[in-house]
PDB file of N, CA and C in Angstrom:
ATOM      1  N   MET A   1       0.775  -1.181   0.121  1.00  0.00           N
ATOM      2  CA  MET A   1      -0.087  -0.096   0.004  1.00  0.00           C
ATOM      3  C   MET A   1       0.866   1.221   0.011  1.00  0.00           C
ATOM      4  N   ARG A   2       0.670   2.074  -1.023  1.00  0.00           N
ATOM      5  CA  ARG A   2       1.216   3.528  -0.909  1.00  0.00           C
ATOM      6  C   ARG A   2       0.345   4.552  -0.831  1.00  0.00           C
ATOM      7  N   LEU A   3       0.897   5.581   0.402  1.00  0.00           N
ATOM      8  CA  LEU A   3       0.005   6.956   0.488  1.00  0.00           C
ATOM      9  C   LEU A   3       0.661   7.934   0.212  1.00  0.00           C
ATOM     10  N   ILE A   4       0.082   8.934   0.187  1.00  0.00           N
ATOM     11  CA  ILE A   4       0.448  10.319  -0.255  1.00  0.00           C
ATOM     12  C   ILE A   4       0.223  11.280   1.196  1.00  0.00           C
ATOM     13  N   ILE A   5       1.099  11.906   1.804  1.00  0.00           N
ATOM     14  CA  ILE A   5       0.577  12.944   2.758  1.00  0.00           C
ATOM     15  C   ILE A   5       0.090  14.060   2.059  1.00  0.00           C
ATOM     16  N   ASP A   6      -1.274  14.522   2.312  1.00  0.00           N
ATOM     17  CA  ASP A   6      -1.784  15.497   1.669  1.00  0.00           C
ATOM     18  C   ASP A   6      -1.665  16.694   2.603  1.00  0.00           C
ATOM     19  N   ARG A   7      -1.928  16.694   3.771  1.00  0.00           N
ATOM     20  CA  ARG A   7      -1.738  17.545   4.827  1.00  0.00           C
ATOM     21  C   ARG A   7      -2.123  17.063   6.560  1.00  0.00           C
ATOM     22  N   PHE A   8      -1.681  17.999   7.254  1.00  0.00           N
ATOM     23  CA  PHE A   8      -1.417  17.646   8.619  1.00  0.00           C
ATOM     24  C   PHE A   8      -2.853  18.454   9.377  1.00  0.00           C
ATOM     25  N   GLU A   9      -3.346  17.620  10.354  1.00  0.00           N
ATOM     26  CA  GLU A   9      -4.538  18.441  10.932  1.00  0.00           C
ATOM     27  C   GLU A   9      -4.474  17.624  12.372  1.00  0.00           C
ATOM     28  N   GLY A  10      -4.034  18.853  13.298  1.00  0.00           N
ATOM     29  CA  GLY A  10      -3.979  18.206  14.348  1.00  0.00           C
ATOM     30  C   GLY A  10      -2.761  17.378  14.538  1.00  0.00           C
ATOM     31  N   GLY A  11      -2.997  16.019  15.371  1.00  0.00           N
ATOM     32  CA  GLY A  11      -1.954  15.122  15.708  1.00  0.00           C
ATOM     33  C   GLY A  11      -2.332  13.935  14.435  1.00  0.00           C
ATOM     34  N   LEU A  12      -2.707  14.348  13.304  1.00  0.00           N
ATOM     35  CA  LEU A  12      -2.847  13.252  12.355  1.00  0.00           C
ATOM     36  C   LEU A  12      -2.387  13.858  10.931  1.00  0.00           C
ATOM     37  N   ALA A  13      -1.688  12.845  10.202  1.00  0.00           N
ATOM     38  CA  ALA A  13      -1.762  13.092   8.917  1.00  0.00           C
ATOM     39  C   ALA A  13      -2.771  12.866   8.038  1.00  0.00           C
ATOM     40  N   VAL A  14      -3.335  13.585   7.077  1.00  0.00           N
ATOM     41  CA  VAL A  14      -4.426  13.020   6.397  1.00  0.00           C
ATOM     42  C   VAL A  14      -3.533  12.592   5.108  1.00  0.00           C
ATOM     43  N   CYS A  15      -3.883  11.166   4.718  1.00  0.00           N
ATOM     44  CA  CYS A  15      -3.211  10.798   3.581  1.00  0.00           C
ATOM     45  C   CYS A  15      -4.164  10.387   2.329  1.00  0.00           C
ATOM     46  N   GLU A  16      -3.689  10.393   1.010  1.00  0.00           N
ATOM     47  CA  GLU A  16      -4.331   9.815   0.065  1.00  0.00           C
ATOM     48  C   GLU A  16      -3.656   8.645  -0.410  1.00  0.00           C
ATOM     49  N   ARG A  17      -4.730   7.599  -0.709  1.00  0.00           N
ATOM     50  CA  ARG A  17      -4.620   6.276  -1.231  1.00  0.00           C
ATOM     51  C   ARG A  17      -4.572   6.350  -2.680  1.00  0.00           C
ATOM     52  N   GLU A  18      -4.151   5.168  -3.291  1.00  0.00           N
ATOM     53  CA  GLU A  18      -3.996   5.157  -4.940  1.00  0.00           C
ATOM     54  C   GLU A  18      -5.366   5.207  -5.304  1.00  0.00           C
ATOM     55  N   ASP A  19      -6.232   5.193  -4.546  1.00  0.00           N
ATOM     56  CA  ASP A  19      -7.479   5.003  -5.145  1.00  0.00           C
ATOM     57  C   ASP A  19      -8.433   6.134  -4.971  1.00  0.00           C
ATOM     58  N   GLY A  20      -7.528   7.270  -4.433  1.00  0.00           N
ATOM     59  CA  GLY A  20      -8.422   8.649  -3.976  1.00  0.00           C
ATOM     60  C   GLY A  20      -8.702   8.639  -2.735  1.00  0.00           C
ATOM     61  N   SER A  21      -9.162   7.727  -2.041  1.00  0.00           N
ATOM     62  CA  SER A  21      -9.755   7.804  -0.589  1.00  0.00           C
ATOM     63  C   SER A  21      -8.556   8.055   0.277  1.00  0.00           C
ATOM     64  N   LEU A  22      -9.007   8.812   1.622  1.00  0.00           N
ATOM     65  CA  LEU A  22      -8.335   9.154   2.365  1.00  0.00           C
ATOM     66  C   LEU A  22      -8.113   8.401   3.662  1.00  0.00           C
ATOM     67  N   GLU A  23      -6.971   8.536   4.325  1.00  0.00           N
ATOM     68  CA  GLU A  23      -6.616   7.663   5.391  1.00  0.00           C
ATOM     69  C   GLU A  23      -6.052   8.505   6.563  1.00  0.00           C
ATOM     70  N   HIS A  24      -6.310   8.480   7.747  1.00  0.00           N
ATOM     71  CA  HIS A  24      -5.862   9.472   8.925  1.00  0.00           C
ATOM     72  C   HIS A  24      -4.831   8.605   9.549  1.00  0.00           C
ATOM     73  N   ILE A  25      -3.502   8.876   9.894  1.00  0.00           N
ATOM     74  CA  ILE A  25      -2.443   8.361  10.506  1.00  0.00           C
ATOM     75  C   ILE A  25      -2.115   9.217  11.646  1.00  0.00           C
ATOM     76  N   PRO A  26      -1.748   8.701  12.787  1.00  0.00           N
ATOM     77  CA  PRO A  26      -1.171   9.352  14.079  1.00  0.00           C
ATOM     78  C   PRO A  26       0.292   9.859  13.503  1.00  0.00           C
ATOM     79  N   VAL A  27       0.267  11.431  13.865  1.00  0.00           N
ATOM     80  CA  VAL A  27       1.736  11.864  13.510  1.00  0.00           C
ATOM     81  C   VAL A  27       2.671  10.878  14.187  1.00  0.00           C
ATOM     82  N   GLU A  28       2.599  10.553  15.348  1.00  0.00           N
ATOM     83  CA  GLU A  28       3.746   9.790  15.600  1.00  0.00           C
ATOM     84  C   GLU A  28       4.005   8.194  15.102  1.00  0.00           C
ATOM     85  N   ALA A  29       3.237   7.764  14.450  1.00  0.00           N
ATOM     86  CA  ALA A  29       3.364   6.561  13.523  1.00  0.00           C
ATOM     87  C   ALA A  29       4.233   6.773  12.508  1.00  0.00           C
ATOM     88  N   LEU A  30       4.394   8.237  11.855  1.00  0.00           N
ATOM     89  CA  LEU A  30       5.070   8.493  10.627  1.00  0.00           C
ATOM     90  C   LEU A  30       6.865   8.121  10.691  1.00  0.00           C
ATOM     91  N   PRO A  31       7.388   8.086   9.809  1.00  0.00           N
ATOM     92  CA  PRO A  31       8.858   7.923   9.871  1.00  0.00           C
ATOM     93  C   PRO A  31       9.283   9.392   9.984  1.00  0.00           C
ATOM     94  N   GLU A  32      10.473   9.660  10.618  1.00  0.00           N
ATOM     95  CA  GLU A  32      11.343  10.937  10.615  1.00  0.00           C
ATOM     96  C   GLU A  32      11.539  11.604   9.271  1.00  0.00           C
ATOM     97  N   GLY A  33      11.200  12.874   9.192  1.00  0.00           N
ATOM     98  CA  GLY A  33      11.248  13.464   7.929  1.00  0.00           C
ATOM     99  C   GLY A  33      10.212  13.612   7.222  1.00  0.00           C
ATOM    100  N   ALA A  34       8.991  12.954   7.468  1.00  0.00           N
ATOM    101  CA  ALA A  34       7.678  12.931   6.849  1.00  0.00           C
ATOM    102  C   ALA A  34       7.032  14.284   6.615  1.00  0.00           C
ATOM    103  N   ARG A  35       6.791  14.793   5.614  1.00  0.00           N
ATOM    104  CA  ARG A  35       6.192  16.143   5.528  1.00  0.00           C
ATOM    105  C   ARG A  35       5.182  15.886   4.334  1.00  0.00           C
ATOM    106  N   GLU A  36       4.413  17.072   3.967  1.00  0.00           N
ATOM    107  CA  GLU A  36       3.153  17.160   2.976  1.00  0.00           C
ATOM    108  C   GLU A  36       3.674  16.683   1.551  1.00  0.00           C
ATOM    109  N   GLY A  37       3.428  15.899   0.962  1.00  0.00           N
ATOM    110  CA  GLY A  37       3.786  15.583  -0.310  1.00  0.00           C
ATOM    111  C   GLY A  37       4.705  14.219  -0.404  1.00  0.00           C
ATOM    112  N   SER A  38       5.001  13.590   1.075  1.00  0.00           N
ATOM    113  CA  SER A  38       5.552  12.862   1.233  1.00  0.00           C
ATOM    114  C   SER A  38       5.029  11.224   0.650  1.00  0.00           C
ATOM    115  N   VAL A  39       5.753  10.237   0.148  1.00  0.00           N
ATOM    116  CA  VAL A  39       4.961   9.200  -0.293  1.00  0.00           C
ATOM    117  C   VAL A  39       5.554   8.098   0.916  1.00  0.00           C
ATOM    118  N   LEU A  40       4.473   7.516   1.504  1.00  0.00           N
ATOM    119  CA  LEU A  40       4.656   6.654   2.546  1.00  0.00           C
ATOM    120  C   LEU A  40       4.551   5.192   1.835  1.00  0.00           C
ATOM    121  N   VAL A  41       4.831   4.219   2.378  1.00  0.00           N
ATOM    122  CA  VAL A  41       4.674   2.556   1.998  1.00  0.00           C
ATOM    123  C   VAL A  41       4.950   1.977   3.312  1.00  0.00           C
ATOM    124  N   LEU A  42       4.033   1.018   3.549  1.00  0.00           N
ATOM    125  CA  LEU A  42       4.173  -0.026   4.621  1.00  0.00           C
ATOM    126  C   LEU A  42       5.035  -1.349   4.654  1.00  0.00           C
ATOM    127  N   GLN A  43       6.203  -1.171   5.510  1.00  0.00           N
ATOM    128  CA  GLN A  43       7.191  -2.069   5.452  1.00  0.00           C
ATOM    129  C   GLN A  43       7.191  -2.702   6.808  1.00  0.00           C
ATOM    130  N   ASP A  44       7.063  -3.934   6.769  1.00  0.00           N
ATOM    131  CA  ASP A  44       7.226  -4.609   7.956  1.00  0.00           C
ATOM    132  C   ASP A  44       6.407  -4.188   9.156  1.00  0.00           C
ATOM    133  N   GLY A  45       5.073  -3.843   8.963  1.00  0.00           N
ATOM    134  CA  GLY A  45       3.961  -3.146   9.763  1.00  0.00           C
ATOM    135  C   GLY A  45       4.267  -1.835  10.196  1.00  0.00           C
ATOM    136  N   ALA A  46       5.173  -0.980   9.444  1.00  0.00           N
ATOM    137  CA  ALA A  46       5.563   0.061   9.838  1.00  0.00           C
ATOM    138  C   ALA A  46       6.020   1.280   8.794  1.00  0.00           C
ATOM    139  N   TRP A  47       5.459   2.541   9.048  1.00  0.00           N
ATOM    140  CA  TRP A  47       5.370   3.369   7.613  1.00  0.00           C
ATOM    141  C   TRP A  47       7.004   3.689   7.455  1.00  0.00           C
ATOM    142  N   ALA A  48       7.197   3.632   5.903  1.00  0.00           N
ATOM    143  CA  ALA A  48       8.525   4.177   5.578  1.00  0.00           C
ATOM    144  C   ALA A  48       8.368   5.283   4.652  1.00  0.00           C
ATOM    145  N   LEU A  49       9.577   6.057   4.495  1.00  0.00           N
ATOM    146  CA  LEU A  49       9.458   7.190   3.184  1.00  0.00           C
ATOM    147  C   LEU A  49       9.971   6.237   1.944  1.00  0.00           C
ATOM    148  N   ASP A  50       9.103   6.374   0.675  1.00  0.00           N
ATOM    149  CA  ASP A  50       9.571   6.065  -0.436  1.00  0.00           C
ATOM    150  C   ASP A  50      10.218   7.490  -1.222  1.00  0.00           C
ATOM    151  N   MET A  51      11.412   7.595  -1.050  1.00  0.00           N
ATOM    152  CA  MET A  51      12.036   8.841  -1.514  1.00  0.00           C
ATOM    153  C   MET A  51      12.051   8.715  -3.181  1.00  0.00           C
ATOM    154  N   ARG A  52      12.498   7.341  -3.784  1.00  0.00           N
ATOM    155  CA  ARG A  52      12.353   7.513  -5.028  1.00  0.00           C
ATOM    156  C   ARG A  52      11.079   7.943  -5.798  1.00  0.00           C
ATOM    157  N   GLU A  53       9.975   7.055  -5.157  1.00  0.00           N
ATOM    158  CA  GLU A  53       8.662   7.528  -5.846  1.00  0.00           C
ATOM    159  C   GLU A  53       8.341   9.120  -5.622  1.00  0.00           C
ATOM    160  N   GLU A  54       8.706   9.444  -4.332  1.00  0.00           N
ATOM    161  CA  GLU A  54       8.597  10.930  -4.205  1.00  0.00           C
ATOM    162  C   GLU A  54       9.132  11.933  -5.354  1.00  0.00           C
ATOM    163  N   GLU A  55      10.404  11.609  -5.458  1.00  0.00           N
ATOM    164  CA  GLU A  55      11.359  12.233  -6.196  1.00  0.00           C
ATOM    165  C   GLU A  55      10.758  12.252  -7.931  1.00  0.00           C
ATOM    166  N   GLU A  56      10.189  10.988  -8.201  1.00  0.00           N
ATOM    167  CA  GLU A  56       9.757  10.813  -9.572  1.00  0.00           C
ATOM    168  C   GLU A  56       8.492  11.652  -9.720  1.00  0.00           C
ATOM    169  N   ARG A  57       7.258  11.740  -8.650  1.00  0.00           N
ATOM    170  CA  ARG A  57       6.151  12.308  -8.920  1.00  0.00           C
ATOM    171  C   ARG A  57       6.545  13.795  -8.752  1.00  0.00           C
ATOM    172  N   ARG A  58       7.304  14.373  -7.868  1.00  0.00           N
ATOM    173  CA  ARG A  58       7.817  15.656  -7.962  1.00  0.00           C
ATOM    174  C   ARG A  58       8.159  16.014  -9.631  1.00  0.00           C
ATOM    175  N   ALA A  59       9.191  15.220 -10.049  1.00  0.00           N
ATOM    176  CA  ALA A  59       9.730  15.587 -11.444  1.00  0.00           C
ATOM    177  C   ALA A  59       8.482  15.672 -12.325  1.00  0.00           C
ATOM    178  N   ARG A  60       7.635  14.494 -12.307  1.00  0.00           N
ATOM    179  CA  ARG A  60       6.307  14.405 -13.165  1.00  0.00           C
ATOM    180  C   ARG A  60       5.532  15.755 -12.985  1.00  0.00           C
ATOM    181  N   LEU A  61       5.208  16.122 -12.008  1.00  0.00           N
ATOM    182  CA  LEU A  61       4.808  17.448 -11.466  1.00  0.00           C
ATOM    183  C   LEU A  61       4.946  18.647 -11.963  1.00  0.00           C
ATOM    184  N   PHE A  62       6.594  18.888 -11.976  1.00  0.00           N
ATOM    185  CA  PHE A  62       7.305  20.092 -12.460  1.00  0.00           C
ATOM    186  C   PHE A  62       7.342  19.929 -14.030  1.00  0.00           C
ATOM    187  N   ALA A  63       7.453  18.815 -14.661  1.00  0.00           N
ATOM    188  CA  ALA A  63       7.311  19.118 -15.804  1.00  0.00           C
ATOM    189  C   ALA A  63       5.930  19.192 -16.597  1.00  0.00           C
ATOM    190  N   LYS A  64       4.881  18.723 -15.963  1.00  0.00           N
ATOM    191  CA  LYS A  64       3.351  18.930 -16.210  1.00  0.00           C
ATOM    192  C   LYS A  64       3.359  20.609 -16.161  1.00  0.00           C
ATOM    193  N   GLN A  65       3.706  21.200 -15.103  1.00  0.00           N
ATOM    194  CA  GLN A  65       3.807  22.528 -14.908  1.00  0.00           C
ATOM    195  C   GLN A  65       4.590  23.493 -15.781  1.00  0.00           C
ATOM    196  N   GLU A  66       5.901  23.110 -16.043  1.00  0.00           N
ATOM    197  CA  GLU A  66       6.606  23.724 -17.099  1.00  0.00           C
ATOM    198  C   GLU A  66       5.679  23.843 -18.667  1.00  0.00           C
ATOM    199  N   GLY A  67       5.200  22.623 -18.876  1.00  0.00           N
ATOM    200  CA  GLY A  67       4.542  22.628 -20.070  1.00  0.00           C
ATOM    201  C   GLY A  67       3.247  23.485 -20.093  1.00  0.00           C
ATOM    202  N   LEU A  68       3.014  23.996 -19.134  1.00  0.00           N
ATOM    203  CA  LEU A  68       1.657  24.892 -18.986  1.00  0.00           C
ATOM    204  C   LEU A  68       1.903  26.268 -19.274  1.00  0.00           C
ATOM    205  N   PHE A  69       3.533  26.664 -18.942  1.00  0.00           N
ATOM    206  CA  PHE A  69       3.905  28.175 -19.254  1.00  0.00           C
ATOM    207  C   PHE A  69       4.591  28.375 -20.533  1.00  0.00           C
ATOM    208  N   GLN A  70       4.655  27.136 -21.231  1.00  0.00           N
ATOM    209  CA  GLN A  70       5.432  27.346 -22.637  1.00  0.00           C
ATOM    210  C   GLN A  70       4.722  27.439 -23.660  1.00  0.00           C
TER     211      GLN A  70
END
């Protein structure tokens, strides 16, 4: 399962699942360095950051944005 952190509300991270539904995760369950836009994967029962996927997503979004302004 892969989630993307959309925002933080109080002590919860509001995350979007791949199907577009939302899941709330307590902030204390997140890995160190998690922030809005971070991609999370469940590994051995704990959330971990997927830095490669996050970088790829950011690159795709940047390319789309650049295409809009050219």
